[in-house]
Protein backbone atom coordinates (compact mmCIF):
# COMPACT_ATOMS: atom_id res chain seq x y z
CA UNK A 1 0.00 0.01 -0.03
CA UNK A 2 2.88 2.32 0.89
CA UNK A 3 4.56 1.58 -2.48
CA UNK A 4 1.28 2.26 -4.29
CA UNK A 5 1.00 5.58 -2.52
CA UNK A 6 4.53 6.60 -3.63
CA UNK A 7 3.64 5.64 -7.16
CA UNK A 8 0.49 7.78 -7.07
CA UNK A 9 2.48 10.73 -5.65
CA UNK A 10 5.13 10.43 -8.34
CA UNK A 11 2.46 10.36 -11.02
CA UNK A 12 0.78 13.43 -9.49
CA UNK A 13 3.99 15.39 -9.35
CA UNK A 14 4.77 14.46 -12.89
CA UNK A 15 1.32 15.69 -14.00
CA UNK A 16 1.78 18.97 -12.15
CA UNK A 17 5.13 19.57 -13.83
CA UNK A 18 3.63 18.71 -17.22
CA UNK A 19 0.72 21.11 -16.77
CA UNK A 20 3.06 23.88 -15.66
CA UNK A 21 5.21 23.42 -18.78
CA UNK A 22 2.05 23.58 -20.91
CA UNK A 23 1.07 26.77 -19.11
CA UNK A 24 4.45 28.40 -19.76
CA UNK A 25 4.23 27.44 -23.46
CA UNK A 26 0.78 29.09 -23.74
CA UNK A 27 2.03 32.22 -22.04
CA UNK A 28 5.01 32.60 -24.36
CA UNK A 29 2.75 32.01 -27.38
CA UNK A 30 0.28 34.66 -26.19
CA UNK A 31 2.44 37.51 -27.41
CA UNK A 32 1.04 36.99 -30.95
CA UNK A 33 -1.36 35.15 -33.05
CA UNK A 34 1.44 34.05 -35.16
CA UNK A 35 4.61 33.39 -33.23
CA UNK A 36 8.08 33.02 -34.80
CA UNK A 37 11.60 33.02 -33.41
CA UNK A 38 14.50 35.29 -34.10
CA UNK A 39 18.14 34.39 -33.53
CA UNK A 40 17.77 35.87 -30.02
CA UNK A 41 14.82 33.67 -29.25
CA UNK A 42 12.41 36.60 -29.11
CA UNK A 43 8.90 36.42 -30.41
CA UNK A 44 7.53 38.07 -33.53
CA UNK A 45 3.99 38.97 -34.55
CA UNK A 46 2.79 39.42 -38.13
CA UNK A 47 0.54 42.48 -38.44
CA UNK A 48 -1.26 44.36 -41.18
CA UNK A 49 -0.65 48.08 -40.93
CA UNK A 50 -2.81 51.00 -42.06
CA UNK A 51 -1.50 50.88 -45.62
CA UNK A 52 -2.40 47.20 -45.91
CA UNK A 53 1.24 46.08 -45.63
CA UNK A 54 2.17 42.79 -43.91
CA UNK A 55 5.04 43.45 -41.36
CA UNK A 56 6.76 41.05 -39.02
CA UNK A 57 7.50 42.92 -35.73
CA UNK A 58 9.29 41.83 -32.55
CA UNK A 59 6.85 41.08 -29.83
CA UNK A 60 7.02 42.74 -27.46
CA UNK A 61 9.55 45.28 -28.73
CA UNK A 62 12.02 46.59 -26.11
CA UNK A 63 13.10 49.72 -28.03
CA UNK A 64 10.54 51.76 -29.98
CA UNK A 65 11.00 54.90 -32.07
CA UNK A 66 7.69 56.51 -32.98
CA UNK A 67 7.59 59.54 -35.31
CA UNK A 68 3.87 59.33 -35.22
CA UNK A 69 2.74 61.30 -32.15
CA UNK A 70 -0.74 59.68 -32.21
CA UNK A 71 0.87 56.23 -32.00
CA UNK A 72 3.16 57.44 -29.23
CA UNK A 73 0.18 58.56 -27.21
CA UNK A 74 -1.56 55.21 -27.59
CA UNK A 75 1.63 53.33 -26.58
CA UNK A 76 1.73 55.40 -23.45
CA UNK A 77 -2.01 54.85 -22.80
CA UNK A 78 -1.52 51.09 -22.96
CA UNK A 79 1.22 51.33 -20.33
CA UNK A 80 4.32 50.80 -22.46
CA UNK A 81 5.88 54.29 -22.37
CA UNK A 82 9.09 52.84 -21.01
CA UNK A 83 9.65 51.04 -24.35
CA UNK A 84 9.73 54.30 -26.32
CA UNK A 85 13.32 55.50 -26.84
CA UNK A 86 12.71 58.17 -29.56
CA UNK A 87 9.88 60.38 -30.79
CA UNK A 88 9.21 63.21 -33.22
CA UNK A 89 10.27 66.75 -32.22
CA UNK A 90 6.73 67.84 -31.69
CA UNK A 91 5.72 64.95 -29.44
CA UNK A 92 4.72 66.51 -26.11
CA UNK A 93 1.71 64.47 -24.87
CA UNK A 94 1.67 62.83 -22.46
CA UNK A 95 4.24 65.04 -20.76
CA UNK A 96 6.66 62.18 -20.18
CA UNK A 97 7.42 62.12 -23.97
CA UNK A 98 9.21 65.45 -23.58
CA UNK A 99 12.11 63.54 -21.93
CA UNK A 100 12.49 61.08 -24.86
CA UNK A 101 15.18 61.51 -27.53
CA UNK A 102 13.99 63.62 -30.46
CA UNK A 103 14.60 62.36 -33.94
CA UNK A 104 13.25 65.21 -36.14
CA UNK A 105 10.05 66.15 -37.89
CA UNK A 106 7.35 63.50 -38.17
CA UNK A 107 7.44 63.46 -41.95
CA UNK A 108 11.15 63.96 -42.41
CA UNK A 109 12.94 62.44 -39.36
CA UNK A 110 16.69 62.10 -39.16
CA UNK A 111 17.45 58.46 -40.13
CA UNK A 112 20.89 58.62 -38.48
CA UNK A 113 19.30 59.71 -35.18
CA UNK A 114 16.84 56.79 -35.48
CA UNK A 115 19.51 54.19 -36.20
CA UNK A 116 21.65 55.48 -33.24
CA UNK A 117 18.82 54.47 -30.93
CA UNK A 118 18.89 50.91 -32.16
CA UNK A 119 15.06 50.47 -32.30
CA UNK A 120 13.34 47.08 -32.64
CA UNK A 121 10.52 48.89 -34.61
CA UNK A 122 9.75 52.26 -36.01
CA UNK A 123 6.20 53.70 -36.25
CA UNK A 124 5.34 56.35 -38.77
CA UNK A 125 2.56 58.11 -40.69
CA UNK A 126 1.90 56.12 -43.81
CA UNK A 127 0.82 58.83 -46.12
CA UNK A 128 3.31 61.47 -44.95
CA UNK A 129 6.69 59.81 -44.09
CA UNK A 130 9.10 60.50 -46.96
CA UNK A 131 9.55 57.35 -49.00
CA UNK A 132 13.32 57.67 -49.39
CA UNK A 133 13.70 57.87 -45.56
CA UNK A 134 11.37 54.85 -45.10
CA UNK A 135 13.55 52.88 -47.52
CA UNK A 136 16.68 53.74 -45.50
CA UNK A 137 15.04 52.58 -42.23
CA UNK A 138 13.94 49.27 -43.84
CA UNK A 139 17.33 48.78 -45.48
CA UNK A 140 18.84 48.79 -42.00
CA UNK A 141 16.75 45.79 -41.16
CA UNK A 142 14.34 47.63 -38.86
CA UNK A 143 10.59 46.92 -39.20
CA UNK A 144 8.67 49.99 -40.19
CA UNK A 145 4.96 50.03 -39.33
CA UNK A 146 2.51 52.62 -40.63
CA UNK A 147 -0.45 53.14 -38.23
CA UNK A 148 -2.73 56.15 -38.46
CA UNK A 149 -4.23 56.35 -34.97
CA UNK A 150 -6.00 59.55 -35.96
CA UNK A 151 -9.11 58.34 -37.93
CA UNK A 152 -12.29 57.45 -36.13
CA UNK A 153 -13.20 54.54 -38.40
CA UNK A 154 -9.78 52.81 -38.10
CA UNK A 155 -8.93 53.62 -34.49
CA UNK A 156 -10.26 50.35 -32.98
CA UNK A 157 -8.22 48.30 -35.51
CA UNK A 158 -5.06 50.40 -34.90
CA UNK A 159 -5.32 50.13 -31.11
CA UNK A 160 -5.83 46.35 -31.35
CA UNK A 161 -2.79 46.14 -33.64
CA UNK A 162 -0.70 48.08 -31.10
CA UNK A 163 -2.00 45.95 -28.26
CA UNK A 164 -0.95 42.77 -30.15
CA UNK A 165 2.54 44.21 -30.87
CA UNK A 166 3.12 45.31 -27.28
CA UNK A 167 1.62 42.24 -25.73
CA UNK A 168 -1.03 44.38 -24.09
CA UNK A 169 -4.24 43.15 -25.54
CA UNK A 170 -6.22 43.65 -22.35
CA UNK A 171 -5.29 47.33 -22.08
CA UNK A 172 -5.94 47.79 -25.78
CA UNK A 173 -9.47 46.34 -25.33
CA UNK A 174 -10.26 48.75 -22.50
CA UNK A 175 -9.11 51.71 -24.45
CA UNK A 176 -11.11 50.61 -27.54
CA UNK A 177 -14.21 50.05 -25.40
CA UNK A 178 -14.18 53.59 -24.01
CA UNK A 179 -13.40 55.10 -27.40
CA UNK A 180 -16.30 53.32 -29.03
CA UNK A 181 -18.73 53.90 -26.10
CA UNK A 182 -18.22 57.70 -26.30
CA UNK A 183 -18.78 57.79 -30.03
CA UNK A 184 -21.87 55.64 -29.82
CA UNK A 185 -23.49 57.89 -27.28
CA UNK A 186 -23.14 60.76 -29.78
CA UNK A 187 -24.17 58.75 -32.84
CA UNK A 188 -27.27 57.53 -31.16
CA UNK A 189 -28.56 61.10 -30.83
CA UNK A 190 -27.59 62.31 -34.33
CA UNK A 191 -28.55 59.32 -36.41
CA UNK A 192 -32.11 60.45 -36.98
CA UNK A 193 -31.28 64.01 -38.13
CA UNK A 194 -32.72 64.81 -41.55
CA UNK A 195 -30.35 66.29 -44.16
CA UNK A 196 -32.10 69.63 -43.87
CA UNK A 197 -31.71 69.62 -40.17
CA UNK A 198 -27.92 69.18 -40.19
CA UNK A 199 -25.93 72.28 -39.32
CA UNK A 200 -23.47 73.50 -42.06
CA UNK A 201 -20.00 73.75 -40.59
CA UNK A 202 -16.64 75.00 -41.87
CA UNK A 203 -13.78 73.10 -40.23
CA UNK A 204 -10.31 74.66 -40.83
CA UNK A 205 -7.10 72.78 -40.19
CA UNK A 206 -3.87 73.97 -38.74
CA UNK A 207 -2.99 76.28 -41.73
CA UNK A 208 -5.20 79.11 -42.94
CA UNK A 209 -8.00 78.08 -45.40
CA UNK A 210 -7.03 74.40 -45.31
CA UNK A 211 -10.36 72.54 -45.03
CA UNK A 212 -11.39 68.91 -44.50
CA UNK A 213 -13.02 66.76 -47.13
CA UNK A 214 -13.82 63.04 -47.36
CA UNK A 215 -10.80 60.98 -46.36
CA UNK A 216 -9.65 63.30 -43.58
CA UNK A 217 -9.96 62.71 -39.89
CA UNK A 218 -11.73 66.09 -39.38
CA UNK A 219 -14.41 65.24 -41.86
CA UNK A 220 -15.09 62.01 -39.94
CA UNK A 221 -15.56 64.11 -36.79
CA UNK A 222 -18.12 66.38 -38.43
CA UNK A 223 -20.08 63.41 -39.73
CA UNK A 224 -20.08 61.72 -36.38
CA UNK A 225 -21.34 64.89 -34.70
CA UNK A 226 -24.11 65.14 -37.17
CA UNK A 227 -22.91 68.26 -39.04
CA UNK A 228 -23.03 69.08 -42.73
CA UNK A 229 -19.47 69.59 -43.86
CA UNK A 230 -19.43 72.40 -46.42
CA UNK A 231 -16.19 71.03 -47.91
CA UNK A 232 -17.44 67.37 -48.13
CA UNK A 233 -17.57 67.31 -51.92
CA UNK A 234 -14.06 68.71 -52.52
CA UNK A 235 -11.68 66.47 -54.57
CA UNK A 236 -8.86 66.00 -52.10
CA UNK A 237 -8.87 65.27 -48.30
CA UNK A 238 -7.36 68.62 -47.33
CA UNK A 239 -8.54 71.15 -49.87
CA UNK A 240 -7.23 74.75 -49.93
CA UNK A 241 -10.21 77.08 -50.11
CA UNK A 242 -10.58 80.83 -50.58
CA UNK A 243 -11.99 83.29 -48.15
CA UNK A 244 -14.76 84.12 -50.72
CA UNK A 245 -15.65 80.48 -51.01
CA UNK A 246 -16.32 80.21 -47.31
CA UNK A 247 -18.39 83.37 -47.35
CA UNK A 248 -20.40 82.00 -50.21
CA UNK A 249 -21.12 78.81 -48.32
CA UNK A 250 -22.21 80.80 -45.21
CA UNK A 251 -21.59 78.10 -42.47
CA UNK A 252 -23.53 78.40 -39.24
CA UNK A 253 -20.59 77.10 -37.20
CA UNK A 254 -16.85 77.61 -37.75
CA UNK A 255 -14.31 75.44 -36.07
CA UNK A 256 -10.53 76.06 -36.25
CA UNK A 257 -7.85 73.55 -35.19
CA UNK A 258 -4.96 75.00 -33.17
CA UNK A 259 -1.83 73.04 -33.89
CA UNK A 260 1.03 75.29 -34.89
CA UNK A 261 3.94 76.01 -32.63
CA UNK A 262 2.99 79.69 -32.30
CA UNK A 263 -0.43 78.83 -30.93
CA UNK A 264 -0.17 77.22 -27.50
CA UNK A 265 -2.98 74.80 -26.63
CA UNK A 266 -3.58 71.60 -24.87
CA UNK A 267 -2.17 70.11 -21.66
CA UNK A 268 -0.61 72.59 -19.25
CA UNK A 269 -1.41 75.75 -21.27
CA UNK A 270 -3.66 78.74 -20.97
CA UNK A 271 -6.24 79.77 -23.60
CA UNK A 272 -4.67 83.17 -24.38
CA UNK A 273 -3.31 82.01 -27.81
CA UNK A 274 -6.56 80.31 -28.70
CA UNK A 275 -8.53 83.43 -27.85
CA UNK A 276 -6.25 85.57 -30.16
CA UNK A 277 -6.66 83.01 -32.98
CA UNK A 278 -10.41 83.22 -32.70
CA UNK A 279 -10.27 86.95 -32.88
CA UNK A 280 -8.14 86.69 -36.06
CA UNK A 281 -10.72 84.48 -37.73
CA UNK A 282 -13.60 86.78 -36.77
CA UNK A 283 -11.64 89.75 -38.16
CA UNK A 284 -10.94 88.23 -41.63
CA UNK A 285 -11.90 90.52 -44.43
CA UNK A 286 -15.53 90.12 -45.45
CA UNK A 287 -16.29 87.45 -42.89
CA UNK A 288 -18.51 89.57 -40.65
CA UNK A 289 -21.38 88.69 -42.90
CA UNK A 290 -21.03 84.88 -42.29
CA UNK A 291 -23.88 83.62 -40.09
CA UNK A 292 -21.49 81.75 -37.76
CA UNK A 293 -19.65 84.97 -36.91
CA UNK A 294 -22.81 86.96 -36.60
CA UNK A 295 -24.10 84.45 -34.08
CA UNK A 296 -20.79 84.11 -32.24
CA UNK A 297 -20.51 80.35 -33.13
CA UNK A 298 -16.79 80.35 -33.82
CA UNK A 299 -14.65 77.85 -31.89
CA UNK A 300 -10.99 76.88 -31.57
CA UNK A 301 -9.97 73.31 -30.66
CA UNK A 302 -6.61 72.01 -29.52
CA UNK A 303 -4.80 69.53 -31.81
CA UNK A 304 -4.65 67.14 -28.79
CA UNK A 305 -8.38 66.34 -29.05
CA UNK A 306 -8.82 67.23 -32.73
CA UNK A 307 -8.60 63.76 -34.37
CA UNK A 308 -6.22 61.34 -32.78
CA UNK A 309 -6.51 58.98 -29.81
CA UNK A 310 -8.83 61.36 -27.86
CA UNK A 311 -10.90 62.28 -30.83
CA UNK A 312 -14.21 61.31 -29.00
CA UNK A 313 -13.60 64.31 -26.73
CA UNK A 314 -13.36 66.52 -29.77
CA UNK A 315 -16.50 65.02 -31.30
CA UNK A 316 -18.32 65.66 -28.02
CA UNK A 317 -17.36 69.29 -28.31
CA UNK A 318 -18.40 69.42 -31.97
CA UNK A 319 -21.78 67.89 -31.07
CA UNK A 320 -22.33 70.35 -28.28
CA UNK A 321 -21.46 73.31 -30.52
CA UNK A 322 -23.64 72.18 -33.36
CA UNK A 323 -26.70 71.04 -31.32
CA UNK A 324 -26.61 72.64 -27.83
CA UNK A 325 -30.15 71.55 -27.03
CA UNK A 326 -29.72 67.98 -28.24
CA UNK A 327 -26.58 67.66 -26.14
CA UNK A 328 -27.51 69.86 -23.20
CA UNK A 329 -26.67 67.14 -20.71
CA UNK A 330 -23.37 66.16 -22.28
CA UNK A 331 -20.13 67.26 -20.62
CA UNK A 332 -17.19 66.94 -22.92
CA UNK A 333 -14.84 67.77 -20.12
CA UNK A 334 -16.02 64.77 -18.17
CA UNK A 335 -15.41 62.58 -21.25
CA UNK A 336 -11.87 63.96 -21.45
CA UNK A 337 -11.29 63.46 -17.69
CA UNK A 338 -12.06 59.81 -18.04
CA UNK A 339 -9.49 59.28 -20.83
CA UNK A 340 -6.77 61.24 -19.03
CA UNK A 341 -7.26 59.75 -15.56
CA UNK A 342 -7.76 56.11 -16.70
CA UNK A 343 -5.03 55.87 -19.25
CA UNK A 344 -2.50 58.56 -18.32
CA UNK A 345 -2.99 59.25 -14.64
CA UNK A 346 -3.48 62.97 -15.39
CA UNK A 347 -5.91 65.70 -14.51
CA UNK A 348 -7.56 67.83 -17.26
CA UNK A 349 -5.52 70.95 -16.57
CA UNK A 350 -4.99 72.93 -19.86
CA UNK A 351 -6.67 74.75 -22.69
CA UNK A 352 -8.59 72.41 -24.90
CA UNK A 353 -11.21 74.57 -26.66
CA UNK A 354 -12.01 78.22 -26.85
CA UNK A 355 -14.45 79.58 -25.63
CA UNK A 356 -14.62 77.29 -22.60
CA UNK A 357 -13.04 73.91 -22.05
CA UNK A 358 -10.41 74.63 -19.35
């Protein structure tokens, strides 16, 4: 009987060891849907980026250079900021990115600076990163991934892709859930608006008279907020329009994006520059006759919530500006606070829109 007990114990211990080995194998495989091995024994994941390219990426990467500031923000939101070793010169949110090595302009970064940082992967803007620079990065054997992370319709996919690469699928799922929940709350109220009920809006980008047509992130925001984009039918995503063209369209709401270096906005700033920018728009020659200006419905929005990872905050402001009665109970600042506190551990201190939005 004693010998039989020993045999049972040995069998039990063997089973436990076997199950533990299986568990470890499953954990190591969880880094990606398709796991491969490099010469260093690290995992790789095969992803499809925003340009439809198939790219093999180390999973999880230990050294990341991101010249796409929207991607940089999402990486931080998913809790992997410590993996970022280099960013674009303009990357300043969340604040911890200011201490990261700078590698140049987002569209024309310094390849030598990037290579010096020995990244496992580089993230860039697909439609804007100079092709010759991209070729140099890939020629050095570094995976280059193009993710937008600024378009409403593709954000969930982009966040999932980053979660897969970083081995942070759970955090990615939580971010995606909040993003989609906020947009749904707005869409549910605007979906029944008739075409004639939709407010005509002129949305101007960072440069003067640069509007937003189909294919741009700003146009998506107008559509989600239930507005009628006066530039919707233009032939290119970011059409240059004339002052007279805007006057002729007579929008009822004007929204200006503040994103240039000489206009301070966003986290940790005051609204003084945004106020001046609004005054400049109101003072444009011939614009006093536009209904939006007559009614005082001219707004300035920070680039930090204009498209990008916190675009639902911007959409909430758009909706409130377009349909104040329909969204009387909606508080865009509360929406923003949830994003900042949950995913960045920050308060909402800063200038996000003008008027209002401190």
